[in-house]
Amino acid sequence: MLEVTESAISYWETAMAKPEIFHYPKIALFLGYLPFEGETATLGGKLLYYQHLKGMTQKELAGELGINTSTLYHFGTGKHKPSPKVMKKLRPMLAEVEEAMGRERGN
């Protein structure tokens, strides 16, 4: 299911290595939740949660939104706010985050 070796899982479990982000969706599917701590009350936290949920890098998410990575980073820190055009693209992503978080909470 995870398409990795047993050694890789052992390394993850013993903190000798971390899984690559593209493994995160399969890990979440296997466990039934995302096993990564993060603050999801802010836009930055929700964007990071979405990246983990989809196994996307910051560069990939920025590309999907049509912005550069530094702008995405500044959304995360609260230094910049998304334009209406970007918010239109973010809405379905944020809705997906809320839905996934609700499933994790058992709602």
C-alpha atoms as a PDB file:
ATOM      1  CA  MET A   1       0.000   0.000   0.000  1.00  0.00           C
ATOM      2  CA  LEU A   2       2.733   2.506   0.875  1.00  0.00           C
ATOM      3  CA  GLU A   3       5.043   1.216  -1.866  1.00  0.00           C
ATOM      4  CA  VAL A   4       8.172   1.506   0.272  1.00  0.00           C
ATOM      5  CA  THR A   5      10.512  -1.042   1.786  1.00  0.00           C
ATOM      6  CA  GLU A   6      10.198  -2.321   5.323  1.00  0.00           C
ATOM      7  CA  SER A   7      13.557  -0.687   6.013  1.00  0.00           C
ATOM      8  CA  ALA A   8      12.141   2.709   5.050  1.00  0.00           C
ATOM      9  CA  ILE A   9       9.260   2.276   7.483  1.00  0.00           C
ATOM     10  CA  SER A  10      11.674   1.190  10.220  1.00  0.00           C
ATOM     11  CA  TYR A  11      13.765   4.313   9.586  1.00  0.00           C
ATOM     12  CA  TRP A  12      10.639   6.490   9.810  1.00  0.00           C
ATOM     13  CA  GLU A  13       9.522   4.819  13.037  1.00  0.00           C
ATOM     14  CA  THR A  14      12.918   5.231  14.671  1.00  0.00           C
ATOM     15  CA  ALA A  15      13.365   8.806  13.401  1.00  0.00           C
ATOM     16  CA  MET A  16      16.438   7.839  11.410  1.00  0.00           C
ATOM     17  CA  ALA A  17      14.750   9.306   8.319  1.00  0.00           C
ATOM     18  CA  LYS A  18      11.609  11.162   7.376  1.00  0.00           C
ATOM     19  CA  PRO A  19       9.256  10.190   4.589  1.00  0.00           C
ATOM     20  CA  GLU A  20       9.298  12.302   1.459  1.00  0.00           C
ATOM     21  CA  ILE A  21       6.268  14.553   1.134  1.00  0.00           C
ATOM     22  CA  PHE A  22       4.919  12.556  -1.804  1.00  0.00           C
ATOM     23  CA  HIS A  23       4.452   9.621   0.620  1.00  0.00           C
ATOM     24  CA  TYR A  24       2.218  11.638   2.975  1.00  0.00           C
ATOM     25  CA  PRO A  25      -1.136  10.935   1.258  1.00  0.00           C
ATOM     26  CA  LYS A  26      -0.572   7.170   1.359  1.00  0.00           C
ATOM     27  CA  ILE A  27       0.582   7.334   4.973  1.00  0.00           C
ATOM     28  CA  ALA A  28      -2.570   9.293   5.865  1.00  0.00           C
ATOM     29  CA  LEU A  29      -4.749   6.804   3.995  1.00  0.00           C
ATOM     30  CA  PHE A  30      -3.083   3.889   5.790  1.00  0.00           C
ATOM     31  CA  LEU A  31      -3.375   5.471   9.252  1.00  0.00           C
ATOM     32  CA  GLY A  32      -6.696   7.218   8.731  1.00  0.00           C
ATOM     33  CA  TYR A  33      -5.244  10.607   9.677  1.00  0.00           C
ATOM     34  CA  LEU A  34      -2.288  12.865   8.945  1.00  0.00           C
ATOM     35  CA  PRO A  35       0.337  12.087  11.583  1.00  0.00           C
ATOM     36  CA  PHE A  36       1.955  15.512  11.424  1.00  0.00           C
ATOM     37  CA  GLU A  37       1.563  18.183  14.013  1.00  0.00           C
ATOM     38  CA  GLY A  38       0.584  21.580  12.858  1.00  0.00           C
ATOM     39  CA  GLU A  39      -1.491  24.562  13.722  1.00  0.00           C
ATOM     40  CA  THR A  40      -4.514  24.652  11.418  1.00  0.00           C
ATOM     41  CA  ALA A  41      -6.297  27.758  12.696  1.00  0.00           C
ATOM     42  CA  THR A  42      -4.301  30.032  10.392  1.00  0.00           C
ATOM     43  CA  LEU A  43      -4.136  30.218   6.614  1.00  0.00           C
ATOM     44  CA  GLY A  44      -0.492  29.146   6.754  1.00  0.00           C
ATOM     45  CA  GLY A  45      -1.351  26.095   8.833  1.00  0.00           C
ATOM     46  CA  LYS A  46      -4.154  25.131   6.480  1.00  0.00           C
ATOM     47  CA  LEU A  47      -1.911  25.513   3.452  1.00  0.00           C
ATOM     48  CA  LEU A  48       0.701  23.266   5.049  1.00  0.00           C
ATOM     49  CA  TYR A  49      -1.989  20.737   5.963  1.00  0.00           C
ATOM     50  CA  TYR A  50      -3.168  20.793   2.323  1.00  0.00           C
ATOM     51  CA  GLN A  51       0.391  20.225   1.120  1.00  0.00           C
ATOM     52  CA  HIS A  52       0.683  17.199   3.412  1.00  0.00           C
ATOM     53  CA  LEU A  53      -2.751  15.933   2.424  1.00  0.00           C
ATOM     54  CA  LYS A  54      -1.847  16.068  -1.267  1.00  0.00           C
ATOM     55  CA  GLY A  55       1.863  15.263  -0.974  1.00  0.00           C
ATOM     56  CA  MET A  56       2.774  18.550  -2.608  1.00  0.00           C
ATOM     57  CA  THR A  57       5.853  20.662  -2.196  1.00  0.00           C
ATOM     58  CA  GLN A  58       5.575  24.382  -1.626  1.00  0.00           C
ATOM     59  CA  LYS A  59       6.739  24.905  -5.204  1.00  0.00           C
ATOM     60  CA  GLU A  60       4.016  22.619  -6.564  1.00  0.00           C
ATOM     61  CA  LEU A  61       1.282  24.337  -4.549  1.00  0.00           C
ATOM     62  CA  ALA A  62       2.514  27.775  -5.586  1.00  0.00           C
ATOM     63  CA  GLY A  63       2.452  26.636  -9.220  1.00  0.00           C
ATOM     64  CA  GLU A  64      -1.111  25.378  -8.851  1.00  0.00           C
ATOM     65  CA  LEU A  65      -2.107  28.761  -7.414  1.00  0.00           C
ATOM     66  CA  GLY A  66      -0.210  30.699 -10.100  1.00  0.00           C
ATOM     67  CA  ILE A  67       2.053  32.473  -7.604  1.00  0.00           C
ATOM     68  CA  ASN A  68       5.710  32.203  -6.658  1.00  0.00           C
ATOM     69  CA  THR A  69       6.947  30.316  -3.610  1.00  0.00           C
ATOM     70  CA  SER A  70       7.942  33.450  -1.717  1.00  0.00           C
ATOM     71  CA  THR A  71       4.382  34.782  -1.989  1.00  0.00           C
ATOM     72  CA  LEU A  72       3.058  31.453  -0.718  1.00  0.00           C
ATOM     73  CA  TYR A  73       5.560  31.591   2.139  1.00  0.00           C
ATOM     74  CA  HIS A  74       4.347  35.091   3.052  1.00  0.00           C
ATOM     75  CA  PHE A  75       0.725  33.880   3.052  1.00  0.00           C
ATOM     76  CA  GLY A  76       1.884  31.329   5.603  1.00  0.00           C
ATOM     77  CA  THR A  77       3.534  33.907   7.816  1.00  0.00           C
ATOM     78  CA  GLY A  78       0.671  36.355   7.506  1.00  0.00           C
ATOM     79  CA  LYS A  79       2.851  38.995   5.863  1.00  0.00           C
ATOM     80  CA  HIS A  80       0.673  38.977   2.716  1.00  0.00           C
ATOM     81  CA  LYS A  81      -2.962  38.184   2.110  1.00  0.00           C
ATOM     82  CA  PRO A  82      -4.166  36.382  -1.013  1.00  0.00           C
ATOM     83  CA  SER A  83      -5.748  38.444  -3.760  1.00  0.00           C
ATOM     84  CA  PRO A  84      -9.378  37.724  -4.672  1.00  0.00           C
ATOM     85  CA  LYS A  85      -8.125  35.790  -7.720  1.00  0.00           C
ATOM     86  CA  VAL A  86      -5.917  33.562  -5.567  1.00  0.00           C
ATOM     87  CA  MET A  87      -8.631  33.200  -2.910  1.00  0.00           C
ATOM     88  CA  LYS A  88     -10.946  31.834  -5.601  1.00  0.00           C
ATOM     89  CA  LYS A  89      -8.384  29.066  -6.226  1.00  0.00           C
ATOM     90  CA  LEU A  90      -7.800  28.553  -2.493  1.00  0.00           C
ATOM     91  CA  ARG A  91     -11.457  28.116  -1.496  1.00  0.00           C
ATOM     92  CA  PRO A  92     -11.833  24.504  -2.712  1.00  0.00           C
ATOM     93  CA  MET A  93      -8.456  23.621  -1.184  1.00  0.00           C
ATOM     94  CA  LEU A  94      -9.415  25.096   2.171  1.00  0.00           C
ATOM     95  CA  ALA A  95     -12.789  23.332   2.010  1.00  0.00           C
ATOM     96  CA  GLU A  96     -10.944  20.049   1.439  1.00  0.00           C
ATOM     97  CA  VAL A  97      -8.753  20.751   4.466  1.00  0.00           C
ATOM     98  CA  GLU A  98     -11.812  21.429   6.633  1.00  0.00           C
ATOM     99  CA  GLU A  99     -13.449  18.224   5.406  1.00  0.00           C
ATOM    100  CA  ALA A 100     -10.331  16.139   6.114  1.00  0.00           C
ATOM    101  CA  MET A 101      -9.921  17.689   9.545  1.00  0.00           C
ATOM    102  CA  GLY A 102     -13.566  16.915  10.290  1.00  0.00           C
ATOM    103  CA  ARG A 103     -13.025  13.264   9.347  1.00  0.00           C
ATOM    104  CA  GLU A 104     -10.016  13.112  11.656  1.00  0.00           C
ATOM    105  CA  ARG A 105     -12.083  14.519  14.517  1.00  0.00           C
ATOM    106  CA  GLY A 106     -14.821  12.000  13.742  1.00  0.00           C
ATOM    107  CA  ASN A 107     -17.362  14.618  12.643  1.00  0.00           C
END
